[in-house]
Amino acid sequence: MDRLQQRAIDFGEIVREILKQFQHLHDAAAGGQGNLGLQDLKVLEALGENGPQMMRVLAEHLGLAVNSMTSVIDQLEAKQLVVRVRSEVDRRVVNVGLTPEGRKIFDLFSAGRLHFHRALLSALTEDEQEILLVLFRKIAREGWKQVQSLSQHDVA
């Protein structure tokens, strides 16, 4: 096995470990907020970060079919965390936004996530933090190139 192969295996293990940690963070946040599911939390996160959105746009962002998104929104609306608002310009368009309670949960989750990220970075010196961010940006750019390449192969 060559060195790049071994490093790729090591890198994959590290990434999986970090992803597990983020999954635990999401699970803890969802469980601590009235037993919200992970999908519920993702919806609140998308709306909190991007503001009110059309159902179709929200579904695309989360990789869900619109009919699946409708049932998720129905449940969140029943919990009074989101609200549907018809557009004044085009009554056929329905936007979904956070209620004050939904905003509160989003803010709590965001603060917890920021605390977690700060704790992870605090294990490094300032120079190491900067190097890590540069390297992660580079890896993220290459990752998107690979994702696009895979998507193009799926179409062909």
N, C-alpha and C. Protein backbone atom coordinates (compact mmCIF):
# COMPACT_ATOMS: atom_id res chain seq x y z
N MET A 1 0.86 -1.18 0.00
CA MET A 1 0.00 0.00 0.00
C MET A 1 0.90 1.24 0.00
N ASP A 2 0.62 2.17 -0.91
CA ASP A 2 1.46 3.37 -0.96
C ASP A 2 1.05 4.37 0.12
N ARG A 3 1.85 5.41 0.29
CA ARG A 3 1.63 6.38 1.38
C ARG A 3 0.33 7.16 1.20
N LEU A 4 0.01 7.54 -0.05
CA LEU A 4 -1.23 8.27 -0.29
C LEU A 4 -2.44 7.41 0.05
N GLN A 5 -2.38 6.15 -0.30
CA GLN A 5 -3.47 5.22 0.02
C GLN A 5 -3.67 5.15 1.54
N GLN A 6 -2.60 4.98 2.29
CA GLN A 6 -2.70 4.89 3.75
C GLN A 6 -3.22 6.20 4.35
N ARG A 7 -2.74 7.32 3.81
CA ARG A 7 -3.22 8.62 4.31
C ARG A 7 -4.70 8.80 3.99
N ALA A 8 -5.13 8.33 2.82
CA ALA A 8 -6.55 8.44 2.45
C ALA A 8 -7.40 7.62 3.43
N ILE A 9 -6.92 6.46 3.80
CA ILE A 9 -7.64 5.62 4.77
C ILE A 9 -7.68 6.32 6.13
N ASP A 10 -6.56 6.85 6.58
CA ASP A 10 -6.50 7.58 7.86
C ASP A 10 -7.42 8.80 7.82
N PHE A 11 -7.38 9.54 6.72
CA PHE A 11 -8.21 10.73 6.57
C PHE A 11 -9.69 10.35 6.67
N GLY A 12 -10.08 9.27 5.99
CA GLY A 12 -11.47 8.81 6.04
C GLY A 12 -11.91 8.48 7.45
N GLU A 13 -11.04 7.83 8.21
CA GLU A 13 -11.37 7.49 9.60
C GLU A 13 -11.54 8.74 10.45
N ILE A 14 -10.67 9.72 10.26
CA ILE A 14 -10.76 10.97 11.02
C ILE A 14 -12.03 11.72 10.67
N VAL A 15 -12.34 11.79 9.37
CA VAL A 15 -13.56 12.48 8.94
C VAL A 15 -14.79 11.80 9.53
N ARG A 16 -14.84 10.47 9.50
CA ARG A 16 -15.98 9.76 10.10
C ARG A 16 -16.10 10.04 11.59
N GLU A 17 -14.98 10.11 12.29
CA GLU A 17 -14.99 10.42 13.71
C GLU A 17 -15.55 11.82 13.98
N ILE A 18 -15.11 12.77 13.19
CA ILE A 18 -15.61 14.14 13.34
C ILE A 18 -17.10 14.21 13.00
N LEU A 19 -17.50 13.52 11.94
CA LEU A 19 -18.92 13.51 11.58
C LEU A 19 -19.78 12.90 12.68
N LYS A 20 -19.28 11.87 13.35
CA LYS A 20 -20.00 11.29 14.49
C LYS A 20 -20.18 12.34 15.59
N GLN A 21 -19.14 13.12 15.83
CA GLN A 21 -19.22 14.16 16.86
C GLN A 21 -20.29 15.19 16.49
N PHE A 22 -20.34 15.60 15.23
CA PHE A 22 -21.35 16.55 14.79
C PHE A 22 -22.74 15.93 14.87
N GLN A 23 -22.84 14.64 14.56
CA GLN A 23 -24.12 13.95 14.68
C GLN A 23 -24.60 13.96 16.13
N HIS A 24 -23.69 13.72 17.07
CA HIS A 24 -24.06 13.76 18.49
C HIS A 24 -24.50 15.17 18.89
N LEU A 25 -23.82 16.18 18.36
CA LEU A 25 -24.21 17.57 18.63
C LEU A 25 -25.63 17.82 18.14
N HIS A 26 -25.93 17.40 16.89
CA HIS A 26 -27.27 17.58 16.36
C HIS A 26 -28.31 16.79 17.16
N ASP A 27 -27.96 15.54 17.50
CA ASP A 27 -28.89 14.72 18.27
C ASP A 27 -29.20 15.34 19.63
N ALA A 28 -28.17 15.85 20.29
CA ALA A 28 -28.36 16.48 21.60
C ALA A 28 -29.24 17.72 21.47
N ALA A 29 -29.00 18.50 20.43
CA ALA A 29 -29.80 19.71 20.23
C ALA A 29 -31.25 19.35 19.91
N ALA A 30 -31.44 18.36 19.05
CA ALA A 30 -32.80 17.96 18.67
C ALA A 30 -33.55 17.38 19.87
N GLY A 31 -32.89 16.51 20.63
CA GLY A 31 -33.52 15.89 21.80
C GLY A 31 -33.83 16.89 22.89
N GLY A 32 -33.00 17.91 22.99
CA GLY A 32 -33.18 18.93 24.03
C GLY A 32 -34.22 19.98 23.67
N GLN A 33 -34.77 19.87 22.46
CA GLN A 33 -35.72 20.88 21.99
C GLN A 33 -37.07 20.24 21.67
N GLY A 34 -37.67 19.62 22.66
CA GLY A 34 -38.99 19.04 22.45
C GLY A 34 -38.97 17.84 21.52
N ASN A 35 -37.89 17.09 21.57
CA ASN A 35 -37.76 15.89 20.75
C ASN A 35 -37.96 16.15 19.26
N LEU A 36 -37.29 17.17 18.77
CA LEU A 36 -37.28 17.43 17.34
C LEU A 36 -36.43 16.38 16.66
N GLY A 37 -36.84 16.00 15.46
CA GLY A 37 -36.02 15.09 14.67
C GLY A 37 -34.88 15.85 14.01
N LEU A 38 -33.93 15.11 13.50
CA LEU A 38 -32.80 15.72 12.81
C LEU A 38 -33.27 16.54 11.62
N GLN A 39 -34.25 16.01 10.88
CA GLN A 39 -34.78 16.74 9.72
C GLN A 39 -35.43 18.05 10.17
N ASP A 40 -36.15 18.01 11.30
CA ASP A 40 -36.77 19.23 11.84
C ASP A 40 -35.71 20.28 12.13
N LEU A 41 -34.63 19.84 12.76
CA LEU A 41 -33.56 20.76 13.12
C LEU A 41 -32.90 21.34 11.87
N LYS A 42 -32.76 20.53 10.83
CA LYS A 42 -32.17 21.02 9.57
C LYS A 42 -33.06 22.09 8.94
N VAL A 43 -34.38 21.91 9.04
CA VAL A 43 -35.30 22.91 8.50
C VAL A 43 -35.17 24.21 9.28
N LEU A 44 -35.17 24.12 10.62
CA LEU A 44 -35.02 25.32 11.44
C LEU A 44 -33.69 26.01 11.14
N GLU A 45 -32.65 25.22 10.96
CA GLU A 45 -31.33 25.77 10.65
C GLU A 45 -31.35 26.49 9.31
N ALA A 46 -31.93 25.88 8.29
CA ALA A 46 -32.00 26.50 6.96
C ALA A 46 -32.79 27.80 7.00
N LEU A 47 -33.91 27.79 7.70
CA LEU A 47 -34.73 29.01 7.79
C LEU A 47 -34.06 30.08 8.64
N GLY A 48 -33.39 29.65 9.71
CA GLY A 48 -32.70 30.62 10.57
C GLY A 48 -31.55 31.28 9.86
N GLU A 49 -30.83 30.52 9.03
CA GLU A 49 -29.67 31.06 8.34
C GLU A 49 -30.04 31.85 7.09
N ASN A 50 -31.14 31.43 6.40
CA ASN A 50 -31.46 32.03 5.11
C ASN A 50 -32.75 32.83 5.09
N GLY A 51 -33.48 32.85 6.19
CA GLY A 51 -34.74 33.57 6.21
C GLY A 51 -35.86 32.76 5.57
N PRO A 52 -37.06 33.35 5.50
CA PRO A 52 -38.21 32.65 4.92
C PRO A 52 -37.92 32.20 3.49
N GLN A 53 -38.43 31.02 3.16
CA GLN A 53 -38.18 30.45 1.84
C GLN A 53 -39.42 29.76 1.31
N MET A 54 -39.47 29.65 -0.02
CA MET A 54 -40.55 28.88 -0.64
C MET A 54 -40.32 27.41 -0.31
N MET A 55 -41.38 26.67 -0.23
CA MET A 55 -41.31 25.24 0.09
C MET A 55 -40.39 24.51 -0.89
N ARG A 56 -40.51 24.82 -2.18
CA ARG A 56 -39.71 24.15 -3.19
C ARG A 56 -38.23 24.40 -2.98
N VAL A 57 -37.86 25.65 -2.67
CA VAL A 57 -36.46 26.00 -2.44
C VAL A 57 -35.94 25.30 -1.19
N LEU A 58 -36.73 25.29 -0.16
CA LEU A 58 -36.35 24.62 1.09
C LEU A 58 -36.16 23.11 0.85
N ALA A 59 -37.07 22.50 0.11
CA ALA A 59 -36.96 21.07 -0.20
C ALA A 59 -35.68 20.79 -0.98
N GLU A 60 -35.37 21.61 -1.97
CA GLU A 60 -34.15 21.42 -2.76
C GLU A 60 -32.92 21.55 -1.88
N HIS A 61 -32.92 22.55 -1.02
CA HIS A 61 -31.78 22.80 -0.13
C HIS A 61 -31.52 21.59 0.77
N LEU A 62 -32.59 20.94 1.21
CA LEU A 62 -32.46 19.81 2.13
C LEU A 62 -32.43 18.46 1.41
N GLY A 63 -32.57 18.48 0.08
CA GLY A 63 -32.54 17.23 -0.67
C GLY A 63 -33.76 16.37 -0.45
N LEU A 64 -34.91 17.00 -0.29
CA LEU A 64 -36.17 16.27 -0.07
C LEU A 64 -37.14 16.52 -1.22
N ALA A 65 -38.05 15.59 -1.42
CA ALA A 65 -39.15 15.81 -2.34
C ALA A 65 -40.10 16.83 -1.69
N VAL A 66 -40.79 17.60 -2.52
CA VAL A 66 -41.68 18.64 -1.98
C VAL A 66 -42.77 18.03 -1.11
N ASN A 67 -43.30 16.85 -1.50
CA ASN A 67 -44.36 16.25 -0.67
C ASN A 67 -43.81 15.83 0.69
N SER A 68 -42.55 15.39 0.76
CA SER A 68 -41.93 15.06 2.05
C SER A 68 -41.73 16.33 2.87
N MET A 69 -41.33 17.40 2.19
CA MET A 69 -41.12 18.68 2.87
C MET A 69 -42.44 19.16 3.47
N THR A 70 -43.53 18.95 2.76
CA THR A 70 -44.84 19.38 3.26
C THR A 70 -45.17 18.72 4.59
N SER A 71 -44.91 17.42 4.72
CA SER A 71 -45.23 16.76 5.99
C SER A 71 -44.31 17.23 7.11
N VAL A 72 -43.04 17.50 6.80
CA VAL A 72 -42.11 18.04 7.82
C VAL A 72 -42.61 19.40 8.29
N ILE A 73 -42.99 20.25 7.34
CA ILE A 73 -43.48 21.59 7.68
C ILE A 73 -44.79 21.50 8.45
N ASP A 74 -45.66 20.57 8.08
CA ASP A 74 -46.92 20.38 8.83
C ASP A 74 -46.63 20.11 10.30
N GLN A 75 -45.67 19.21 10.56
CA GLN A 75 -45.33 18.86 11.94
C GLN A 75 -44.71 20.05 12.68
N LEU A 76 -43.83 20.77 12.02
CA LEU A 76 -43.21 21.94 12.67
C LEU A 76 -44.22 23.05 12.90
N GLU A 77 -45.17 23.17 12.00
CA GLU A 77 -46.23 24.16 12.17
C GLU A 77 -47.12 23.79 13.35
N ALA A 78 -47.40 22.50 13.50
CA ALA A 78 -48.20 22.03 14.64
C ALA A 78 -47.49 22.31 15.97
N LYS A 79 -46.17 22.29 15.94
CA LYS A 79 -45.37 22.60 17.15
C LYS A 79 -45.16 24.10 17.30
N GLN A 80 -45.74 24.88 16.39
CA GLN A 80 -45.67 26.35 16.40
C GLN A 80 -44.23 26.85 16.27
N LEU A 81 -43.43 26.15 15.45
CA LEU A 81 -42.04 26.56 15.23
C LEU A 81 -41.84 27.23 13.88
N VAL A 82 -42.75 26.96 12.94
CA VAL A 82 -42.71 27.61 11.63
C VAL A 82 -44.11 28.09 11.29
N VAL A 83 -44.17 28.99 10.33
CA VAL A 83 -45.44 29.52 9.86
C VAL A 83 -45.37 29.62 8.34
N ARG A 84 -46.49 29.30 7.71
CA ARG A 84 -46.61 29.48 6.25
C ARG A 84 -47.22 30.85 6.00
N VAL A 85 -46.65 31.56 5.03
CA VAL A 85 -47.15 32.89 4.68
C VAL A 85 -47.29 32.98 3.17
N ARG A 86 -48.50 33.32 2.72
CA ARG A 86 -48.71 33.50 1.28
C ARG A 86 -48.09 34.81 0.83
N SER A 87 -47.48 34.76 -0.34
CA SER A 87 -46.87 35.96 -0.91
C SER A 87 -47.96 36.99 -1.24
N GLU A 88 -47.67 38.24 -0.96
CA GLU A 88 -48.60 39.32 -1.32
C GLU A 88 -48.59 39.55 -2.82
N VAL A 89 -47.48 39.26 -3.47
CA VAL A 89 -47.32 39.47 -4.91
C VAL A 89 -48.00 38.38 -5.71
N ASP A 90 -47.78 37.13 -5.31
CA ASP A 90 -48.35 35.98 -6.01
C ASP A 90 -48.91 35.03 -4.96
N ARG A 91 -50.22 35.01 -4.84
CA ARG A 91 -50.90 34.23 -3.78
C ARG A 91 -50.65 32.72 -3.90
N ARG A 92 -50.17 32.26 -5.07
CA ARG A 92 -49.87 30.83 -5.23
C ARG A 92 -48.59 30.45 -4.49
N VAL A 93 -47.74 31.45 -4.23
CA VAL A 93 -46.44 31.20 -3.59
C VAL A 93 -46.61 31.20 -2.08
N VAL A 94 -46.13 30.12 -1.46
CA VAL A 94 -46.19 30.00 0.00
C VAL A 94 -44.75 29.97 0.51
N ASN A 95 -44.44 30.91 1.37
CA ASN A 95 -43.13 30.94 2.02
C ASN A 95 -43.27 30.37 3.42
N VAL A 96 -42.18 29.78 3.89
CA VAL A 96 -42.15 29.23 5.24
C VAL A 96 -41.12 30.02 6.02
N GLY A 97 -41.46 30.45 7.22
CA GLY A 97 -40.54 31.19 8.07
C GLY A 97 -40.63 30.69 9.51
N LEU A 98 -39.69 31.16 10.31
CA LEU A 98 -39.66 30.78 11.72
C LEU A 98 -40.63 31.63 12.53
N THR A 99 -41.26 31.00 13.50
CA THR A 99 -42.02 31.74 14.50
C THR A 99 -41.01 32.24 15.54
N PRO A 100 -41.43 33.09 16.48
CA PRO A 100 -40.49 33.48 17.55
C PRO A 100 -39.94 32.29 18.32
N GLU A 101 -40.77 31.26 18.56
CA GLU A 101 -40.29 30.06 19.26
C GLU A 101 -39.29 29.28 18.39
N GLY A 102 -39.56 29.21 17.09
CA GLY A 102 -38.63 28.57 16.17
C GLY A 102 -37.30 29.31 16.11
N ARG A 103 -37.37 30.63 16.13
CA ARG A 103 -36.16 31.46 16.14
C ARG A 103 -35.36 31.21 17.42
N LYS A 104 -36.06 31.08 18.53
CA LYS A 104 -35.40 30.83 19.82
C LYS A 104 -34.63 29.51 19.78
N ILE A 105 -35.26 28.46 19.24
CA ILE A 105 -34.59 27.16 19.15
C ILE A 105 -33.39 27.25 18.21
N PHE A 106 -33.56 27.93 17.07
CA PHE A 106 -32.44 28.11 16.13
C PHE A 106 -31.29 28.84 16.81
N ASP A 107 -31.60 29.90 17.54
CA ASP A 107 -30.55 30.67 18.22
C ASP A 107 -29.82 29.83 19.27
N LEU A 108 -30.57 29.03 20.02
CA LEU A 108 -29.95 28.15 21.02
C LEU A 108 -29.03 27.12 20.35
N PHE A 109 -29.51 26.52 19.27
CA PHE A 109 -28.71 25.53 18.55
C PHE A 109 -27.46 26.19 17.97
N SER A 110 -27.62 27.35 17.37
CA SER A 110 -26.47 28.05 16.78
C SER A 110 -25.42 28.40 17.83
N ALA A 111 -25.88 28.84 18.99
CA ALA A 111 -24.94 29.17 20.07
C ALA A 111 -24.21 27.91 20.54
N GLY A 112 -24.94 26.80 20.67
CA GLY A 112 -24.31 25.54 21.07
C GLY A 112 -23.30 25.05 20.04
N ARG A 113 -23.64 25.19 18.78
CA ARG A 113 -22.73 24.77 17.70
C ARG A 113 -21.48 25.64 17.69
N LEU A 114 -21.65 26.94 17.87
CA LEU A 114 -20.50 27.84 17.91
C LEU A 114 -19.60 27.50 19.10
N HIS A 115 -20.19 27.21 20.25
CA HIS A 115 -19.42 26.82 21.43
C HIS A 115 -18.61 25.55 21.14
N PHE A 116 -19.24 24.59 20.48
CA PHE A 116 -18.58 23.34 20.11
C PHE A 116 -17.40 23.61 19.17
N HIS A 117 -17.63 24.43 18.15
CA HIS A 117 -16.56 24.76 17.20
C HIS A 117 -15.41 25.48 17.89
N ARG A 118 -15.74 26.40 18.76
CA ARG A 118 -14.69 27.11 19.50
C ARG A 118 -13.87 26.14 20.35
N ALA A 119 -14.55 25.20 20.99
CA ALA A 119 -13.85 24.21 21.83
C ALA A 119 -12.90 23.37 20.98
N LEU A 120 -13.34 22.97 19.79
CA LEU A 120 -12.47 22.19 18.92
C LEU A 120 -11.24 23.00 18.51
N LEU A 121 -11.45 24.22 18.12
CA LEU A 121 -10.33 25.06 17.68
C LEU A 121 -9.40 25.44 18.83
N SER A 122 -9.91 25.48 20.04
CA SER A 122 -9.09 25.88 21.18
C SER A 122 -7.97 24.88 21.46
N ALA A 123 -8.08 23.67 20.89
CA ALA A 123 -7.02 22.67 21.06
C ALA A 123 -5.78 23.02 20.22
N LEU A 124 -5.92 24.03 19.36
CA LEU A 124 -4.83 24.42 18.46
C LEU A 124 -4.32 25.82 18.78
N THR A 125 -3.09 26.08 18.39
CA THR A 125 -2.57 27.45 18.50
C THR A 125 -3.24 28.30 17.43
N GLU A 126 -3.09 29.62 17.52
CA GLU A 126 -3.68 30.49 16.50
C GLU A 126 -3.13 30.17 15.12
N ASP A 127 -1.82 29.93 15.01
CA ASP A 127 -1.22 29.58 13.72
C ASP A 127 -1.79 28.27 13.20
N GLU A 128 -1.94 27.28 14.07
CA GLU A 128 -2.50 26.00 13.65
C GLU A 128 -3.95 26.15 13.21
N GLN A 129 -4.70 27.02 13.90
CA GLN A 129 -6.09 27.27 13.51
C GLN A 129 -6.15 27.82 12.09
N GLU A 130 -5.29 28.78 11.81
CA GLU A 130 -5.27 29.40 10.47
C GLU A 130 -4.89 28.36 9.41
N ILE A 131 -3.90 27.55 9.70
CA ILE A 131 -3.48 26.49 8.76
C ILE A 131 -4.63 25.51 8.53
N LEU A 132 -5.29 25.11 9.62
CA LEU A 132 -6.41 24.18 9.50
C LEU A 132 -7.50 24.75 8.59
N LEU A 133 -7.84 26.02 8.79
CA LEU A 133 -8.89 26.64 7.98
C LEU A 133 -8.49 26.71 6.51
N VAL A 134 -7.24 27.05 6.24
CA VAL A 134 -6.76 27.09 4.86
C VAL A 134 -6.87 25.70 4.23
N LEU A 135 -6.42 24.68 4.95
CA LEU A 135 -6.46 23.32 4.43
C LEU A 135 -7.90 22.82 4.25
N PHE A 136 -8.77 23.11 5.21
CA PHE A 136 -10.16 22.68 5.08
C PHE A 136 -10.83 23.35 3.89
N ARG A 137 -10.55 24.64 3.65
CA ARG A 137 -11.12 25.32 2.48
C ARG A 137 -10.66 24.65 1.20
N LYS A 138 -9.39 24.30 1.15
CA LYS A 138 -8.83 23.65 -0.03
C LYS A 138 -9.49 22.28 -0.23
N ILE A 139 -9.64 21.51 0.83
CA ILE A 139 -10.28 20.20 0.75
C ILE A 139 -11.75 20.35 0.33
N ALA A 140 -12.43 21.35 0.87
CA ALA A 140 -13.84 21.57 0.53
C ALA A 140 -14.00 21.90 -0.96
N ARG A 141 -13.11 22.74 -1.49
CA ARG A 141 -13.17 23.06 -2.92
C ARG A 141 -12.98 21.80 -3.76
N GLU A 142 -12.00 20.99 -3.41
CA GLU A 142 -11.76 19.74 -4.16
C GLU A 142 -12.93 18.78 -3.99
N GLY A 143 -13.51 18.74 -2.81
CA GLY A 143 -14.67 17.89 -2.58
C GLY A 143 -15.82 18.25 -3.51
N TRP A 144 -16.10 19.56 -3.66
CA TRP A 144 -17.18 19.98 -4.56
C TRP A 144 -16.86 19.62 -6.01
N LYS A 145 -15.61 19.71 -6.40
CA LYS A 145 -15.22 19.30 -7.75
C LYS A 145 -15.53 17.82 -7.95
N GLN A 146 -15.20 17.01 -6.95
CA GLN A 146 -15.46 15.58 -7.05
C GLN A 146 -16.96 15.28 -7.07
N VAL A 147 -17.73 16.00 -6.27
CA VAL A 147 -19.19 15.82 -6.26
C VAL A 147 -19.76 16.17 -7.63
N GLN A 148 -19.30 17.28 -8.20
CA GLN A 148 -19.80 17.67 -9.53
C GLN A 148 -19.42 16.63 -10.57
N SER A 149 -18.22 16.10 -10.47
CA SER A 149 -17.76 15.07 -11.39
C SER A 149 -18.63 13.83 -11.28
N LEU A 150 -18.96 13.43 -10.04
CA LEU A 150 -19.84 12.27 -9.84
C LEU A 150 -21.22 12.53 -10.41
N SER A 151 -21.73 13.74 -10.23
CA SER A 151 -23.05 14.10 -10.73
C SER A 151 -23.09 14.04 -12.25
N GLN A 152 -22.02 14.46 -12.89
CA GLN A 152 -21.96 14.43 -14.34
C GLN A 152 -21.91 12.99 -14.86
N HIS A 153 -21.26 12.11 -14.11
CA HIS A 153 -21.22 10.70 -14.50
C HIS A 153 -22.58 10.04 -14.34
N ASP A 154 -23.35 10.49 -13.34
CA ASP A 154 -24.70 9.94 -13.13
C ASP A 154 -25.62 10.29 -14.30
N VAL A 155 -25.44 11.49 -14.85
CA VAL A 155 -26.29 11.96 -15.94
C VAL A 155 -25.96 11.20 -17.23
N ALA A 156 -24.68 10.90 -17.42
CA ALA A 156 -24.25 10.27 -18.67
C ALA A 156 -24.73 8.85 -18.83
